[in-house]
Amino acid sequence: MAKGRCQCGSIHYEVEGEPFYSAICHCSDCRRSAGAPMVGWALFAEANLKVVGEPRLYRSSEDATRHFCGNCGTGLFYRNLKSFPGMVDIQTSTLDDPSLVPPVIHVQWAEALPWMGAAHELPHVGRYPED
């Protein structure tokens, strides 16, 4: 079982079982929703998710609904009944231990920002600002 929550703690969740996949999505919808260059997701069976709290819903496209905390704005879940019936995508960075579901694929790479392919070549700074 994996547990997670939003940033402020108003919404907590537990999910059981193994994800069907874990991916990093580069689509413009995910990027805009998260305010980030990509978003990590893990797809689980809907029946295995238990949520405490009431996420707000935003219909981001004809078939997709995004769930987020109305207090702090943390994106939590994504549902697309057409593409993934009976499934829910969970933003992996909201897990208490995101290392439990490392990504195995980049999806929507056709929409990735042009500099994303070389991002791993950038300098690495342990903490910013450095002490």
C-alpha atoms as a PDB file:
ATOM      1  CA  MET A   1       0.000   0.000   0.000  1.00  0.00           C
ATOM      2  CA  ALA A   2       1.202   3.504  -0.832  1.00  0.00           C
ATOM      3  CA  LYS A   3       0.030   6.666   0.875  1.00  0.00           C
ATOM      4  CA  GLY A   4       0.068  10.262  -0.246  1.00  0.00           C
ATOM      5  CA  ARG A   5      -1.388  13.692   0.301  1.00  0.00           C
ATOM      6  CA  CYS A   6      -1.657  17.228  -0.955  1.00  0.00           C
ATOM      7  CA  GLN A   7       0.828  19.850   0.227  1.00  0.00           C
ATOM      8  CA  CYS A   8      -1.376  21.250   3.009  1.00  0.00           C
ATOM      9  CA  GLY A   9      -2.624  17.855   4.220  1.00  0.00           C
ATOM     10  CA  SER A  10      -6.343  18.513   3.619  1.00  0.00           C
ATOM     11  CA  ILE A  11      -6.530  15.502   1.306  1.00  0.00           C
ATOM     12  CA  HIS A  12      -4.925  12.150   2.041  1.00  0.00           C
ATOM     13  CA  TYR A  13      -5.117   8.957   0.036  1.00  0.00           C
ATOM     14  CA  GLU A  14      -4.078   5.325   0.067  1.00  0.00           C
ATOM     15  CA  VAL A  15      -3.694   3.085  -2.952  1.00  0.00           C
ATOM     16  CA  GLU A  16      -3.154  -0.668  -2.998  1.00  0.00           C
ATOM     17  CA  GLY A  17      -1.577  -2.909  -5.587  1.00  0.00           C
ATOM     18  CA  GLU A  18       0.977  -2.337  -8.270  1.00  0.00           C
ATOM     19  CA  PRO A  19       0.544   0.413 -10.841  1.00  0.00           C
ATOM     20  CA  PHE A  20      -0.120  -0.628 -14.428  1.00  0.00           C
ATOM     21  CA  TYR A  21       2.667   1.778 -15.372  1.00  0.00           C
ATOM     22  CA  SER A  22       4.491   4.814 -14.100  1.00  0.00           C
ATOM     23  CA  ALA A  23       5.321   7.524 -16.604  1.00  0.00           C
ATOM     24  CA  ILE A  24       6.554  11.051 -17.038  1.00  0.00           C
ATOM     25  CA  CYS A  25       4.087  12.999 -19.158  1.00  0.00           C
ATOM     26  CA  HIS A  26       5.186  15.898 -21.344  1.00  0.00           C
ATOM     27  CA  CYS A  27       1.810  16.955 -22.780  1.00  0.00           C
ATOM     28  CA  SER A  28       0.970  20.645 -22.702  1.00  0.00           C
ATOM     29  CA  ASP A  29      -2.178  19.967 -20.642  1.00  0.00           C
ATOM     30  CA  CYS A  30      -0.163  18.330 -17.835  1.00  0.00           C
ATOM     31  CA  ARG A  31       2.538  20.990 -18.015  1.00  0.00           C
ATOM     32  CA  ARG A  32       0.040  23.830 -17.779  1.00  0.00           C
ATOM     33  CA  SER A  33      -1.952  22.108 -15.021  1.00  0.00           C
ATOM     34  CA  ALA A  34       1.125  21.532 -12.866  1.00  0.00           C
ATOM     35  CA  GLY A  35       3.124  24.611 -13.821  1.00  0.00           C
ATOM     36  CA  ALA A  36       6.036  22.255 -14.452  1.00  0.00           C
ATOM     37  CA  PRO A  37       7.972  21.013 -17.500  1.00  0.00           C
ATOM     38  CA  MET A  38       6.614  17.469 -16.998  1.00  0.00           C
ATOM     39  CA  VAL A  39       4.493  15.469 -14.554  1.00  0.00           C
ATOM     40  CA  GLY A  40       5.004  12.005 -13.087  1.00  0.00           C
ATOM     41  CA  TRP A  41       1.979   9.679 -13.074  1.00  0.00           C
ATOM     42  CA  ALA A  42       1.219   6.141 -11.938  1.00  0.00           C
ATOM     43  CA  LEU A  43      -1.924   4.394 -13.203  1.00  0.00           C
ATOM     44  CA  PHE A  44      -3.863   2.291 -10.673  1.00  0.00           C
ATOM     45  CA  ALA A  45      -7.205   0.508 -10.597  1.00  0.00           C
ATOM     46  CA  GLU A  46      -9.846   2.983  -9.409  1.00  0.00           C
ATOM     47  CA  ALA A  47     -11.183   0.471  -6.879  1.00  0.00           C
ATOM     48  CA  ASN A  48      -7.795   0.426  -5.120  1.00  0.00           C
ATOM     49  CA  LEU A  49      -7.835   4.161  -4.280  1.00  0.00           C
ATOM     50  CA  LYS A  50      -9.271   5.459  -1.016  1.00  0.00           C
ATOM     51  CA  VAL A  51      -9.407   9.242  -0.572  1.00  0.00           C
ATOM     52  CA  VAL A  52      -9.980  11.181   2.650  1.00  0.00           C
ATOM     53  CA  GLY A  53     -11.061  14.738   1.900  1.00  0.00           C
ATOM     54  CA  GLU A  54     -12.861  16.284  -1.047  1.00  0.00           C
ATOM     55  CA  PRO A  55     -10.719  17.140  -4.069  1.00  0.00           C
ATOM     56  CA  ARG A  56     -12.009  19.790  -6.415  1.00  0.00           C
ATOM     57  CA  LEU A  57     -12.564  18.738 -10.008  1.00  0.00           C
ATOM     58  CA  TYR A  58     -11.580  20.430 -13.232  1.00  0.00           C
ATOM     59  CA  ARG A  59     -12.594  19.062 -16.611  1.00  0.00           C
ATOM     60  CA  SER A  60      -9.450  19.750 -18.602  1.00  0.00           C
ATOM     61  CA  SER A  61     -10.721  18.221 -21.844  1.00  0.00           C
ATOM     62  CA  GLU A  62     -13.790  16.461 -23.211  1.00  0.00           C
ATOM     63  CA  ASP A  63     -12.800  13.122 -21.655  1.00  0.00           C
ATOM     64  CA  ALA A  64     -10.477  14.101 -18.800  1.00  0.00           C
ATOM     65  CA  THR A  65     -11.029  15.291 -15.242  1.00  0.00           C
ATOM     66  CA  ARG A  66      -8.242  16.519 -12.994  1.00  0.00           C
ATOM     67  CA  HIS A  67      -8.609  16.389  -9.211  1.00  0.00           C
ATOM     68  CA  PHE A  68      -6.770  18.832  -6.976  1.00  0.00           C
ATOM     69  CA  CYS A  69      -6.826  20.285  -3.474  1.00  0.00           C
ATOM     70  CA  GLY A  70      -9.027  23.361  -3.291  1.00  0.00           C
ATOM     71  CA  ASN A  71      -6.937  24.744  -0.405  1.00  0.00           C
ATOM     72  CA  CYS A  72      -3.344  24.459  -1.623  1.00  0.00           C
ATOM     73  CA  GLY A  73      -3.862  23.672  -5.322  1.00  0.00           C
ATOM     74  CA  THR A  74      -1.864  20.439  -5.372  1.00  0.00           C
ATOM     75  CA  GLY A  75      -2.767  18.299  -8.376  1.00  0.00           C
ATOM     76  CA  LEU A  76      -3.559  14.750  -7.255  1.00  0.00           C
ATOM     77  CA  PHE A  77      -5.500  12.570  -9.704  1.00  0.00           C
ATOM     78  CA  TYR A  78      -6.421  12.321 -13.365  1.00  0.00           C
ATOM     79  CA  ARG A  79      -9.315  10.334 -14.746  1.00  0.00           C
ATOM     80  CA  ASN A  80     -10.127   9.685 -18.379  1.00  0.00           C
ATOM     81  CA  LEU A  81     -13.073   7.311 -18.697  1.00  0.00           C
ATOM     82  CA  LYS A  82     -12.533   6.921 -22.438  1.00  0.00           C
ATOM     83  CA  SER A  83      -8.812   6.140 -22.411  1.00  0.00           C
ATOM     84  CA  PHE A  84      -8.532   4.513 -18.976  1.00  0.00           C
ATOM     85  CA  PRO A  85     -11.923   3.155 -17.863  1.00  0.00           C
ATOM     86  CA  GLY A  86     -11.880   1.971 -14.247  1.00  0.00           C
ATOM     87  CA  MET A  87      -8.451   3.525 -13.701  1.00  0.00           C
ATOM     88  CA  VAL A  88      -7.012   6.580 -11.982  1.00  0.00           C
ATOM     89  CA  ASP A  89      -3.664   8.262 -12.566  1.00  0.00           C
ATOM     90  CA  ILE A  90      -1.979   9.527  -9.400  1.00  0.00           C
ATOM     91  CA  GLN A  91       0.651  12.256  -9.492  1.00  0.00           C
ATOM     92  CA  THR A  92       3.668  10.396  -8.156  1.00  0.00           C
ATOM     93  CA  SER A  93       5.185  13.430  -6.453  1.00  0.00           C
ATOM     94  CA  THR A  94       2.212  13.472  -4.053  1.00  0.00           C
ATOM     95  CA  LEU A  95       3.128  10.037  -2.694  1.00  0.00           C
ATOM     96  CA  ASP A  96       4.736  10.021   0.746  1.00  0.00           C
ATOM     97  CA  ASP A  97       7.512   7.979  -0.890  1.00  0.00           C
ATOM     98  CA  PRO A  98       7.629   8.830  -4.601  1.00  0.00           C
ATOM     99  CA  SER A  99      10.539   6.424  -5.076  1.00  0.00           C
ATOM    100  CA  LEU A 100       8.050   3.532  -4.788  1.00  0.00           C
ATOM    101  CA  VAL A 101       6.938   4.021  -8.398  1.00  0.00           C
ATOM    102  CA  PRO A 102       9.864   5.093 -10.569  1.00  0.00           C
ATOM    103  CA  PRO A 103       8.907   6.031 -14.113  1.00  0.00           C
ATOM    104  CA  VAL A 104       9.466   3.442 -16.825  1.00  0.00           C
ATOM    105  CA  ILE A 105       8.546   5.582 -19.837  1.00  0.00           C
ATOM    106  CA  HIS A 106       8.213   9.149 -21.118  1.00  0.00           C
ATOM    107  CA  VAL A 107       4.786   9.730 -22.702  1.00  0.00           C
ATOM    108  CA  GLN A 108       3.619  12.484 -25.038  1.00  0.00           C
ATOM    109  CA  TRP A 109       7.272  13.083 -25.925  1.00  0.00           C
ATOM    110  CA  ALA A 110       6.093  14.771 -29.133  1.00  0.00           C
ATOM    111  CA  GLU A 111       5.004  17.698 -26.925  1.00  0.00           C
ATOM    112  CA  ALA A 112       8.131  17.792 -24.728  1.00  0.00           C
ATOM    113  CA  LEU A 113       9.850  21.139 -24.406  1.00  0.00           C
ATOM    114  CA  PRO A 114      12.731  21.392 -26.889  1.00  0.00           C
ATOM    115  CA  TRP A 115      15.381  21.497 -24.158  1.00  0.00           C
ATOM    116  CA  MET A 116      14.062  18.479 -22.246  1.00  0.00           C
ATOM    117  CA  GLY A 117      16.274  15.927 -24.026  1.00  0.00           C
ATOM    118  CA  ALA A 118      19.418  17.596 -22.714  1.00  0.00           C
ATOM    119  CA  ALA A 119      18.093  18.480 -19.240  1.00  0.00           C
ATOM    120  CA  HIS A 120      20.157  15.727 -17.569  1.00  0.00           C
ATOM    121  CA  GLU A 121      23.316  17.449 -18.860  1.00  0.00           C
ATOM    122  CA  LEU A 122      22.691  20.591 -16.788  1.00  0.00           C
ATOM    123  CA  PRO A 123      24.856  21.171 -13.687  1.00  0.00           C
ATOM    124  CA  HIS A 124      23.570  19.572 -10.482  1.00  0.00           C
ATOM    125  CA  VAL A 125      23.407  21.671  -7.293  1.00  0.00           C
ATOM    126  CA  GLY A 126      22.662  19.786  -4.053  1.00  0.00           C
ATOM    127  CA  ARG A 127      20.784  22.694  -2.415  1.00  0.00           C
ATOM    128  CA  TYR A 128      19.843  26.094  -3.749  1.00  0.00           C
ATOM    129  CA  PRO A 129      20.871  28.546  -2.650  1.00  0.00           C
ATOM    130  CA  GLU A 130      23.997  26.834  -1.462  1.00  0.00           C
ATOM    131  CA  ASP A 131      25.016  27.516   2.140  1.00  0.00           C
END
